[in-house]
Amino acid sequence: MSQSFGAPRVHRQCSRPTCSAAAVVTLTYEYRASQVWLDELTAERDPHDYDLCRRHAEQLKVPLGWHLLDRRLSAAAVSRDLLAG
């Protein structure tokens, strides 16, 4: 029997209707602050959050007047590369 080390693998489906792709991002929001956050997929499913596949996360548009903060590590690396470029 082999042992796996590191973070446990999380397998959940995208929350968007009719999408069966694997979720890779967790979306949370605060209505009063008009704020949306994208984070790495959380280990535990929260009924107040939304899990999104890569395609739906990349195409995400927030309502006018809302702010989107992408807190994923991969997004931070891309931003850093663009600023350094």
Foldseek 3Di string as FASTA:
>chain_A
DDDDDDDDDDFDAFPDPPGGDTFFWKWADDVVQLEIEIEGDDRDDDPRIGTHHPVCVVVDDGDPPHYYDYPYPVVVVVVVVVVVD
